Amino acid sequence: MQGVDDFGIGILLQTRQVKKMIASYVGENDTFMQQYLSGELELEFNPQGTLAERMRAAGCGIPGFYTKTGVGTVIAEGKEHKDFNGETYILETGLFADVSIVKAWKADETGNLVFRKTARNFNPPAAMCGKICVAEVEEIVPTGSLDPDLIHLPGIYVHRLIQGTHEKRIEQRTVRAS
């Protein structure tokens, strides 16, 4: 997701620091839309599960994998196809990033991270696939004070810690009448 106009990656879009976006959803960011439509910003769409697996694979050192998702669509154009047991699959590559930026709830001083709720879905593989991972956390606690069984991402993947505050912006809130 590319964030809202004045928050998250939206700030990097405003200063034109993003050249290419690899995403499963692009939302409603006006700056993103203008840069994409003008050809200034490259966009690569991935189905959400494929995007998650590309990050996980890279984080585990796996250069590529086959998937049925996207076969017969524009997603498959230009990609290697291979049949297994009579079914066609396409080759997807691991998504290796120069820098990963993630948000966690808590970290110890060595970078062991604890995520809250759905932040556990994509943040660990996103952190793992980056050569450098920067984690913004709400709280930094002394080393050894986190229960090892509750750590979601080992500190070996985290290179920089930044303490921030909790803030979650919603692109478009939709609620029903009471």
N, C-alpha and C. Protein backbone atom coordinates (compact mmCIF):
# COMPACT_ATOMS: atom_id res chain seq x y z
N MET A 1 0.84 -1.17 0.00
CA MET A 1 0.00 0.00 0.00
C MET A 1 0.89 1.23 0.00
N GLN A 2 0.49 2.26 -0.70
CA GLN A 2 1.33 3.44 -0.83
C GLN A 2 0.98 4.54 0.17
N GLY A 3 0.11 4.29 1.11
CA GLY A 3 -0.14 5.25 2.18
C GLY A 3 -1.04 6.39 1.76
N VAL A 4 -1.33 7.23 2.70
CA VAL A 4 -2.12 8.43 2.42
C VAL A 4 -1.17 9.54 2.01
N ASP A 5 -1.70 10.60 1.42
CA ASP A 5 -0.87 11.63 0.80
C ASP A 5 0.21 12.22 1.71
N ASP A 6 -0.10 12.46 2.97
CA ASP A 6 0.86 13.17 3.84
C ASP A 6 1.37 12.31 5.00
N PHE A 7 1.42 10.99 4.78
CA PHE A 7 1.82 10.09 5.86
C PHE A 7 2.45 8.85 5.26
N GLY A 8 3.36 8.22 6.00
CA GLY A 8 3.98 6.98 5.53
C GLY A 8 4.76 7.20 4.25
N ILE A 9 4.64 6.26 3.33
CA ILE A 9 5.37 6.37 2.08
C ILE A 9 4.85 7.53 1.23
N GLY A 10 3.67 8.04 1.57
CA GLY A 10 3.14 9.22 0.89
C GLY A 10 4.11 10.40 0.95
N ILE A 11 4.85 10.52 2.04
CA ILE A 11 5.85 11.60 2.18
C ILE A 11 6.98 11.39 1.18
N LEU A 12 7.43 10.14 1.01
CA LEU A 12 8.49 9.84 0.05
C LEU A 12 8.01 10.07 -1.39
N LEU A 13 6.73 9.81 -1.64
CA LEU A 13 6.17 10.08 -2.97
C LEU A 13 6.17 11.58 -3.25
N GLN A 14 5.82 12.39 -2.26
CA GLN A 14 5.79 13.84 -2.45
C GLN A 14 7.15 14.39 -2.83
N THR A 15 8.21 13.83 -2.26
CA THR A 15 9.57 14.30 -2.55
C THR A 15 10.20 13.52 -3.70
N ARG A 16 9.39 12.71 -4.37
CA ARG A 16 9.81 11.93 -5.54
C ARG A 16 11.01 11.04 -5.26
N GLN A 17 10.97 10.35 -4.12
CA GLN A 17 12.03 9.43 -3.72
C GLN A 17 11.68 7.98 -4.02
N VAL A 18 10.54 7.75 -4.66
CA VAL A 18 10.11 6.40 -5.02
C VAL A 18 10.10 6.31 -6.54
N LYS A 19 10.84 5.33 -7.07
CA LYS A 19 10.93 5.13 -8.51
C LYS A 19 9.98 4.04 -8.98
N LYS A 20 9.85 2.99 -8.15
CA LYS A 20 9.03 1.85 -8.53
C LYS A 20 8.26 1.36 -7.31
N MET A 21 7.00 1.00 -7.54
CA MET A 21 6.14 0.47 -6.48
C MET A 21 5.77 -0.95 -6.86
N ILE A 22 5.99 -1.89 -5.95
CA ILE A 22 5.56 -3.27 -6.13
C ILE A 22 4.48 -3.49 -5.08
N ALA A 23 3.24 -3.71 -5.53
CA ALA A 23 2.13 -3.72 -4.59
C ALA A 23 1.01 -4.64 -5.05
N SER A 24 0.13 -4.98 -4.10
CA SER A 24 -1.08 -5.73 -4.44
C SER A 24 -2.29 -4.80 -4.43
N TYR A 25 -2.13 -3.61 -3.88
CA TYR A 25 -3.20 -2.63 -3.76
C TYR A 25 -2.57 -1.25 -3.78
N VAL A 26 -3.18 -0.31 -4.48
CA VAL A 26 -2.58 1.02 -4.55
C VAL A 26 -3.40 2.11 -3.90
N GLY A 27 -4.61 1.85 -3.49
CA GLY A 27 -5.36 2.81 -2.68
C GLY A 27 -5.77 4.08 -3.38
N GLU A 28 -5.79 5.15 -2.62
CA GLU A 28 -6.35 6.41 -3.09
C GLU A 28 -5.41 7.58 -2.88
N ASN A 29 -4.13 7.39 -3.09
CA ASN A 29 -3.14 8.45 -2.91
C ASN A 29 -3.05 9.26 -4.19
N ASP A 30 -3.42 10.54 -4.13
CA ASP A 30 -3.44 11.39 -5.32
C ASP A 30 -2.05 11.58 -5.92
N THR A 31 -1.04 11.74 -5.08
CA THR A 31 0.33 11.92 -5.56
C THR A 31 0.79 10.68 -6.31
N PHE A 32 0.51 9.51 -5.75
CA PHE A 32 0.85 8.25 -6.40
C PHE A 32 0.17 8.18 -7.77
N MET A 33 -1.11 8.46 -7.81
CA MET A 33 -1.88 8.36 -9.05
C MET A 33 -1.31 9.30 -10.12
N GLN A 34 -1.01 10.53 -9.76
CA GLN A 34 -0.46 11.49 -10.72
C GLN A 34 0.88 11.03 -11.27
N GLN A 35 1.76 10.55 -10.39
CA GLN A 35 3.08 10.11 -10.83
C GLN A 35 2.99 8.86 -11.70
N TYR A 36 2.09 7.94 -11.36
CA TYR A 36 1.93 6.73 -12.16
C TYR A 36 1.36 7.06 -13.54
N LEU A 37 0.31 7.87 -13.59
CA LEU A 37 -0.33 8.19 -14.87
C LEU A 37 0.58 9.01 -15.79
N SER A 38 1.50 9.78 -15.21
CA SER A 38 2.43 10.57 -16.02
C SER A 38 3.63 9.74 -16.48
N GLY A 39 3.76 8.50 -15.99
CA GLY A 39 4.88 7.65 -16.36
C GLY A 39 6.12 7.87 -15.51
N GLU A 40 5.99 8.70 -14.49
CA GLU A 40 7.11 9.03 -13.60
C GLU A 40 7.40 7.89 -12.62
N LEU A 41 6.38 7.11 -12.30
CA LEU A 41 6.48 6.05 -11.30
C LEU A 41 6.09 4.73 -11.95
N GLU A 42 6.94 3.73 -11.80
CA GLU A 42 6.67 2.40 -12.33
C GLU A 42 5.86 1.61 -11.30
N LEU A 43 4.91 0.80 -11.79
CA LEU A 43 4.06 0.01 -10.90
C LEU A 43 4.07 -1.44 -11.35
N GLU A 44 4.31 -2.35 -10.40
CA GLU A 44 4.22 -3.78 -10.66
C GLU A 44 3.19 -4.36 -9.71
N PHE A 45 2.08 -4.83 -10.26
CA PHE A 45 1.03 -5.45 -9.45
C PHE A 45 1.36 -6.91 -9.19
N ASN A 46 1.07 -7.36 -7.98
CA ASN A 46 1.21 -8.76 -7.59
C ASN A 46 -0.03 -9.14 -6.79
N PRO A 47 -0.55 -10.35 -7.01
CA PRO A 47 -1.59 -10.82 -6.10
C PRO A 47 -1.03 -10.81 -4.67
N GLN A 48 -1.87 -10.55 -3.69
CA GLN A 48 -1.40 -10.36 -2.32
C GLN A 48 -0.62 -11.55 -1.78
N GLY A 49 -1.11 -12.76 -2.01
CA GLY A 49 -0.39 -13.94 -1.52
C GLY A 49 0.94 -14.13 -2.22
N THR A 50 1.00 -13.81 -3.52
CA THR A 50 2.24 -13.91 -4.27
C THR A 50 3.25 -12.90 -3.75
N LEU A 51 2.80 -11.68 -3.46
CA LEU A 51 3.68 -10.65 -2.93
C LEU A 51 4.27 -11.09 -1.58
N ALA A 52 3.42 -11.64 -0.72
CA ALA A 52 3.89 -12.11 0.58
C ALA A 52 4.91 -13.24 0.41
N GLU A 53 4.63 -14.17 -0.50
CA GLU A 53 5.54 -15.30 -0.71
C GLU A 53 6.84 -14.84 -1.36
N ARG A 54 6.80 -13.83 -2.22
CA ARG A 54 8.03 -13.30 -2.82
C ARG A 54 8.94 -12.72 -1.74
N MET A 55 8.35 -12.01 -0.77
CA MET A 55 9.16 -11.46 0.33
C MET A 55 9.69 -12.57 1.22
N ARG A 56 8.82 -13.53 1.57
CA ARG A 56 9.25 -14.64 2.43
C ARG A 56 10.36 -15.43 1.77
N ALA A 57 10.20 -15.73 0.49
CA ALA A 57 11.21 -16.50 -0.23
C ALA A 57 12.56 -15.78 -0.20
N ALA A 58 12.55 -14.50 -0.51
CA ALA A 58 13.81 -13.74 -0.50
C ALA A 58 14.45 -13.75 0.88
N GLY A 59 13.63 -13.57 1.91
CA GLY A 59 14.15 -13.58 3.28
C GLY A 59 14.77 -14.91 3.67
N CYS A 60 14.36 -15.98 3.00
CA CYS A 60 14.91 -17.32 3.25
C CYS A 60 15.99 -17.69 2.25
N GLY A 61 16.33 -16.76 1.36
CA GLY A 61 17.38 -17.02 0.37
C GLY A 61 16.92 -17.84 -0.83
N ILE A 62 15.62 -17.89 -1.06
CA ILE A 62 15.07 -18.65 -2.18
C ILE A 62 14.89 -17.71 -3.37
N PRO A 63 15.58 -17.97 -4.49
CA PRO A 63 15.54 -17.02 -5.61
C PRO A 63 14.24 -17.03 -6.41
N GLY A 64 13.47 -18.13 -6.37
CA GLY A 64 12.23 -18.18 -7.13
C GLY A 64 11.38 -19.37 -6.75
N PHE A 65 10.12 -19.34 -7.17
CA PHE A 65 9.18 -20.42 -6.87
C PHE A 65 8.08 -20.40 -7.93
N TYR A 66 7.39 -21.52 -8.07
CA TYR A 66 6.28 -21.61 -9.02
C TYR A 66 4.95 -21.49 -8.30
N THR A 67 4.00 -20.81 -8.97
CA THR A 67 2.66 -20.65 -8.42
C THR A 67 1.64 -20.68 -9.54
N LYS A 68 0.42 -21.12 -9.22
CA LYS A 68 -0.67 -21.10 -10.20
C LYS A 68 -1.33 -19.72 -10.25
N THR A 69 -1.15 -18.94 -9.19
CA THR A 69 -1.81 -17.64 -9.12
C THR A 69 -1.30 -16.73 -10.24
N GLY A 70 -2.21 -16.24 -11.03
CA GLY A 70 -1.86 -15.33 -12.12
C GLY A 70 -1.77 -16.00 -13.48
N VAL A 71 -1.80 -17.32 -13.53
CA VAL A 71 -1.73 -18.02 -14.81
C VAL A 71 -2.93 -17.58 -15.67
N GLY A 72 -2.66 -17.25 -16.93
CA GLY A 72 -3.71 -16.84 -17.85
C GLY A 72 -4.12 -15.38 -17.72
N THR A 73 -3.40 -14.60 -16.93
CA THR A 73 -3.71 -13.17 -16.77
C THR A 73 -2.49 -12.33 -17.17
N VAL A 74 -2.64 -11.02 -17.13
CA VAL A 74 -1.51 -10.14 -17.45
C VAL A 74 -0.35 -10.33 -16.47
N ILE A 75 -0.64 -10.83 -15.28
CA ILE A 75 0.41 -11.10 -14.29
C ILE A 75 1.43 -12.08 -14.85
N ALA A 76 0.99 -13.03 -15.68
CA ALA A 76 1.86 -14.09 -16.19
C ALA A 76 2.65 -13.69 -17.44
N GLU A 77 2.33 -12.54 -18.02
CA GLU A 77 2.99 -12.14 -19.26
C GLU A 77 4.50 -11.98 -19.05
N GLY A 78 5.26 -12.63 -19.93
CA GLY A 78 6.71 -12.52 -19.88
C GLY A 78 7.38 -13.39 -18.84
N LYS A 79 6.61 -14.19 -18.11
CA LYS A 79 7.18 -15.06 -17.07
C LYS A 79 7.26 -16.49 -17.58
N GLU A 80 8.23 -17.23 -17.06
CA GLU A 80 8.39 -18.63 -17.44
C GLU A 80 7.18 -19.43 -16.96
N HIS A 81 6.67 -20.30 -17.85
CA HIS A 81 5.57 -21.21 -17.52
C HIS A 81 6.11 -22.64 -17.47
N LYS A 82 5.58 -23.43 -16.55
CA LYS A 82 6.02 -24.82 -16.45
C LYS A 82 4.82 -25.65 -15.99
N ASP A 83 4.72 -26.84 -16.55
CA ASP A 83 3.64 -27.75 -16.16
C ASP A 83 4.13 -28.75 -15.12
N PHE A 84 3.32 -28.94 -14.09
CA PHE A 84 3.55 -29.96 -13.07
C PHE A 84 2.25 -30.75 -12.95
N ASN A 85 2.32 -32.05 -13.16
CA ASN A 85 1.15 -32.92 -13.03
C ASN A 85 -0.05 -32.41 -13.81
N GLY A 86 0.20 -31.90 -15.01
CA GLY A 86 -0.88 -31.44 -15.88
C GLY A 86 -1.41 -30.05 -15.56
N GLU A 87 -0.82 -29.36 -14.60
CA GLU A 87 -1.25 -28.00 -14.24
C GLU A 87 -0.15 -27.01 -14.60
N THR A 88 -0.52 -25.84 -15.10
CA THR A 88 0.45 -24.82 -15.49
C THR A 88 0.71 -23.87 -14.31
N TYR A 89 1.99 -23.57 -14.14
CA TYR A 89 2.44 -22.66 -13.09
C TYR A 89 3.33 -21.60 -13.72
N ILE A 90 3.47 -20.46 -13.04
CA ILE A 90 4.42 -19.44 -13.50
C ILE A 90 5.52 -19.28 -12.47
N LEU A 91 6.69 -18.91 -12.95
CA LEU A 91 7.83 -18.69 -12.07
C LEU A 91 7.79 -17.26 -11.54
N GLU A 92 7.80 -17.13 -10.24
CA GLU A 92 7.90 -15.83 -9.58
C GLU A 92 9.26 -15.76 -8.89
N THR A 93 9.85 -14.60 -8.85
CA THR A 93 11.16 -14.44 -8.21
C THR A 93 11.01 -13.92 -6.80
N GLY A 94 11.97 -14.26 -5.96
CA GLY A 94 12.01 -13.71 -4.61
C GLY A 94 12.16 -12.19 -4.70
N LEU A 95 11.55 -11.49 -3.79
CA LEU A 95 11.59 -10.03 -3.79
C LEU A 95 12.66 -9.57 -2.80
N PHE A 96 13.85 -9.31 -3.33
CA PHE A 96 14.98 -8.86 -2.52
C PHE A 96 14.98 -7.33 -2.53
N ALA A 97 14.94 -6.71 -1.35
CA ALA A 97 14.88 -5.25 -1.24
C ALA A 97 16.19 -4.70 -0.70
N ASP A 98 16.54 -3.49 -1.11
CA ASP A 98 17.70 -2.81 -0.55
C ASP A 98 17.41 -2.41 0.89
N VAL A 99 16.21 -1.83 1.11
CA VAL A 99 15.82 -1.36 2.44
C VAL A 99 14.39 -1.80 2.72
N SER A 100 14.17 -2.34 3.90
CA SER A 100 12.83 -2.67 4.38
C SER A 100 12.52 -1.74 5.54
N ILE A 101 11.32 -1.20 5.55
CA ILE A 101 10.87 -0.35 6.65
C ILE A 101 9.62 -0.98 7.22
N VAL A 102 9.67 -1.34 8.50
CA VAL A 102 8.52 -1.99 9.14
C VAL A 102 8.15 -1.25 10.42
N LYS A 103 6.93 -1.50 10.88
CA LYS A 103 6.43 -0.91 12.12
C LYS A 103 6.10 -2.05 13.06
N ALA A 104 6.64 -2.00 14.27
CA ALA A 104 6.37 -3.03 15.28
C ALA A 104 5.86 -2.36 16.56
N TRP A 105 5.29 -3.16 17.41
CA TRP A 105 4.78 -2.65 18.69
C TRP A 105 5.92 -2.45 19.68
N LYS A 106 6.77 -3.48 19.80
CA LYS A 106 7.79 -3.46 20.84
C LYS A 106 9.06 -4.12 20.33
N ALA A 107 10.20 -3.64 20.84
CA ALA A 107 11.49 -4.26 20.52
C ALA A 107 12.36 -4.22 21.76
N ASP A 108 13.30 -5.16 21.82
CA ASP A 108 14.34 -5.01 22.84
C ASP A 108 15.52 -4.30 22.17
N GLU A 109 16.53 -3.99 22.95
CA GLU A 109 17.66 -3.20 22.46
C GLU A 109 18.47 -3.90 21.37
N THR A 110 18.31 -5.21 21.21
CA THR A 110 19.02 -5.93 20.15
C THR A 110 18.18 -6.09 18.89
N GLY A 111 16.96 -5.54 18.88
CA GLY A 111 16.13 -5.55 17.68
C GLY A 111 15.14 -6.68 17.56
N ASN A 112 15.02 -7.54 18.59
CA ASN A 112 13.97 -8.55 18.57
C ASN A 112 12.63 -7.83 18.58
N LEU A 113 11.73 -8.20 17.65
CA LEU A 113 10.48 -7.46 17.49
C LEU A 113 9.24 -8.27 17.88
N VAL A 114 8.26 -7.55 18.41
CA VAL A 114 6.94 -8.09 18.69
C VAL A 114 5.94 -7.21 17.93
N PHE A 115 5.12 -7.85 17.10
CA PHE A 115 4.10 -7.14 16.33
C PHE A 115 2.75 -7.35 17.00
N ARG A 116 1.82 -6.47 16.69
CA ARG A 116 0.46 -6.61 17.23
C ARG A 116 -0.51 -6.92 16.11
N LYS A 117 -1.37 -7.84 16.39
CA LYS A 117 -2.50 -8.20 15.53
C LYS A 117 -2.07 -8.45 14.09
N THR A 118 -2.72 -7.81 13.12
CA THR A 118 -2.46 -8.11 11.71
C THR A 118 -1.10 -7.61 11.23
N ALA A 119 -0.39 -6.84 12.05
CA ALA A 119 0.97 -6.42 11.66
C ALA A 119 1.89 -7.63 11.55
N ARG A 120 1.48 -8.76 12.11
CA ARG A 120 2.27 -10.00 12.02
C ARG A 120 2.18 -10.63 10.63
N ASN A 121 1.20 -10.23 9.82
CA ASN A 121 1.01 -10.85 8.51
C ASN A 121 2.16 -10.56 7.56
N PHE A 122 2.48 -9.31 7.31
CA PHE A 122 3.44 -8.94 6.28
C PHE A 122 4.74 -8.35 6.80
N ASN A 123 4.75 -7.83 8.00
CA ASN A 123 5.98 -7.20 8.50
C ASN A 123 7.16 -8.16 8.65
N PRO A 124 6.98 -9.36 9.21
CA PRO A 124 8.16 -10.25 9.29
C PRO A 124 8.78 -10.58 7.93
N PRO A 125 8.00 -11.01 6.92
CA PRO A 125 8.66 -11.28 5.64
C PRO A 125 9.21 -10.01 4.99
N ALA A 126 8.54 -8.87 5.18
CA ALA A 126 9.06 -7.61 4.63
C ALA A 126 10.39 -7.26 5.27
N ALA A 127 10.51 -7.46 6.56
CA ALA A 127 11.77 -7.18 7.26
C ALA A 127 12.87 -8.11 6.79
N MET A 128 12.54 -9.38 6.60
CA MET A 128 13.53 -10.39 6.24
C MET A 128 14.09 -10.21 4.83
N CYS A 129 13.32 -9.64 3.92
CA CYS A 129 13.76 -9.57 2.52
C CYS A 129 14.66 -8.37 2.23
N GLY A 130 14.86 -7.49 3.21
CA GLY A 130 15.69 -6.31 2.98
C GLY A 130 17.14 -6.52 3.38
N LYS A 131 18.05 -5.97 2.59
CA LYS A 131 19.47 -6.01 2.97
C LYS A 131 19.66 -5.23 4.26
N ILE A 132 18.89 -4.15 4.40
CA ILE A 132 18.87 -3.35 5.63
C ILE A 132 17.42 -3.21 6.05
N CYS A 133 17.15 -3.45 7.32
CA CYS A 133 15.80 -3.30 7.84
C CYS A 133 15.78 -2.23 8.92
N VAL A 134 14.89 -1.27 8.73
CA VAL A 134 14.66 -0.22 9.72
C VAL A 134 13.31 -0.50 10.35
N ALA A 135 13.28 -0.61 11.67
CA ALA A 135 12.03 -0.88 12.38
C ALA A 135 11.67 0.30 13.26
N GLU A 136 10.47 0.83 13.06
CA GLU A 136 9.94 1.84 13.96
C GLU A 136 9.08 1.12 14.98
N VAL A 137 9.34 1.36 16.25
CA VAL A 137 8.61 0.68 17.32
C VAL A 137 8.05 1.69 18.29
N GLU A 138 6.99 1.29 18.97
CA GLU A 138 6.37 2.16 19.96
C GLU A 138 7.14 2.15 21.28
N GLU A 139 7.79 1.00 21.59
CA GLU A 139 8.49 0.88 22.86
C GLU A 139 9.74 0.04 22.69
N ILE A 140 10.84 0.51 23.28
CA ILE A 140 12.09 -0.25 23.30
C ILE A 140 12.34 -0.64 24.75
N VAL A 141 12.49 -1.94 25.00
CA VAL A 141 12.68 -2.46 26.35
C VAL A 141 14.09 -3.04 26.47
N PRO A 142 14.59 -3.23 27.68
CA PRO A 142 15.93 -3.80 27.85
C PRO A 142 16.05 -5.22 27.27
N THR A 143 17.24 -5.53 26.79
CA THR A 143 17.52 -6.87 26.27
C THR A 143 17.23 -7.90 27.35
N GLY A 144 16.55 -8.98 26.95
CA GLY A 144 16.21 -10.05 27.89
C GLY A 144 14.86 -9.90 28.54
N SER A 145 14.19 -8.77 28.36
CA SER A 145 12.90 -8.60 29.03
C SER A 145 11.72 -9.09 28.20
N LEU A 146 11.94 -9.45 26.95
CA LEU A 146 10.86 -10.02 26.14
C LEU A 146 10.88 -11.54 26.29
N ASP A 147 9.71 -12.13 26.42
CA ASP A 147 9.58 -13.59 26.46
C ASP A 147 10.01 -14.13 25.10
N PRO A 148 11.03 -14.98 25.04
CA PRO A 148 11.50 -15.50 23.74
C PRO A 148 10.41 -16.18 22.92
N ASP A 149 9.42 -16.77 23.58
CA ASP A 149 8.33 -17.43 22.86
C ASP A 149 7.36 -16.43 22.21
N LEU A 150 7.46 -15.17 22.57
CA LEU A 150 6.55 -14.15 22.03
C LEU A 150 7.22 -13.25 20.99
N ILE A 151 8.48 -13.49 20.69
CA ILE A 151 9.19 -12.69 19.68
C ILE A 151 8.77 -13.18 18.30
N HIS A 152 8.33 -12.24 17.45
CA HIS A 152 7.85 -12.58 16.12
C HIS A 152 8.94 -12.46 15.06
N LEU A 153 9.96 -11.65 15.32
CA LEU A 153 11.07 -11.51 14.38
C LEU A 153 12.37 -11.35 15.16
N PRO A 154 13.32 -12.25 14.94
CA PRO A 154 14.60 -12.15 15.66
C PRO A 154 15.38 -10.90 15.23
N GLY A 155 16.12 -10.35 16.15
CA GLY A 155 16.89 -9.14 15.92
C GLY A 155 17.95 -9.25 14.83
N ILE A 156 18.31 -10.44 14.41
CA ILE A 156 19.30 -10.62 13.35
C ILE A 156 18.87 -9.94 12.06
N TYR A 157 17.56 -9.76 11.87
CA TYR A 157 17.04 -9.13 10.65
C TYR A 157 16.92 -7.61 10.76
N VAL A 158 17.07 -7.06 11.96
CA VAL A 158 16.84 -5.63 12.18
C VAL A 158 18.17 -4.91 12.33
N HIS A 159 18.36 -3.87 11.52
CA HIS A 159 19.63 -3.14 11.51
C HIS A 159 19.54 -1.77 12.18
N ARG A 160 18.35 -1.19 12.22
CA ARG A 160 18.16 0.11 12.85
C ARG A 160 16.82 0.12 13.57
N LEU A 161 16.79 0.71 14.77
CA LEU A 161 15.56 0.87 15.55
C LEU A 161 15.27 2.35 15.71
N ILE A 162 14.02 2.70 15.53
CA ILE A 162 13.57 4.07 15.75
C ILE A 162 12.35 3.99 16.67
N GLN A 163 12.36 4.75 17.74
CA GLN A 163 11.19 4.77 18.61
C GLN A 163 10.25 5.86 18.13
N GLY A 164 9.02 5.47 17.85
CA GLY A 164 7.99 6.42 17.42
C GLY A 164 6.77 6.29 18.30
N THR A 165 5.69 6.83 17.83
CA THR A 165 4.43 6.75 18.57
C THR A 165 3.45 5.94 17.75
N HIS A 166 2.38 5.52 18.40
CA HIS A 166 1.35 4.76 17.68
C HIS A 166 0.49 5.72 16.88
N GLU A 167 0.43 5.48 15.60
CA GLU A 167 -0.47 6.25 14.75
C GLU A 167 -0.85 5.38 13.57
N LYS A 168 -2.12 5.21 13.36
CA LYS A 168 -2.62 4.43 12.25
C LYS A 168 -3.65 5.27 11.52
N ARG A 169 -3.35 5.57 10.28
CA ARG A 169 -4.30 6.34 9.49
C ARG A 169 -5.04 5.40 8.55
N ILE A 170 -6.29 5.70 8.36
CA ILE A 170 -7.14 4.91 7.48
C ILE A 170 -7.40 5.74 6.24
N GLU A 171 -7.22 5.13 5.06
CA GLU A 171 -7.41 5.87 3.82
C GLU A 171 -8.83 6.37 3.68
N GLN A 172 -9.78 5.48 3.87
CA GLN A 172 -11.18 5.86 3.72
C GLN A 172 -12.00 5.05 4.72
N ARG A 173 -12.53 5.70 5.69
CA ARG A 173 -13.32 5.00 6.70
C ARG A 173 -14.76 4.91 6.24
N THR A 174 -15.30 3.72 6.26
CA THR A 174 -16.68 3.49 5.87
C THR A 174 -17.38 2.82 7.03
N VAL A 175 -18.44 3.44 7.51
CA VAL A 175 -19.20 2.86 8.61
C VAL A 175 -20.69 2.89 8.23
N ARG A 176 -21.43 2.00 8.83
CA ARG A 176 -22.87 2.00 8.57
C ARG A 176 -23.58 2.85 9.61
N ALA A 177 -24.74 3.32 9.27
CA ALA A 177 -25.54 4.13 10.19
C ALA A 177 -25.96 3.28 11.37
N SER A 178 -26.06 3.89 12.57
CA SER A 178 -26.46 3.16 13.78
C SER A 178 -27.91 2.76 13.70
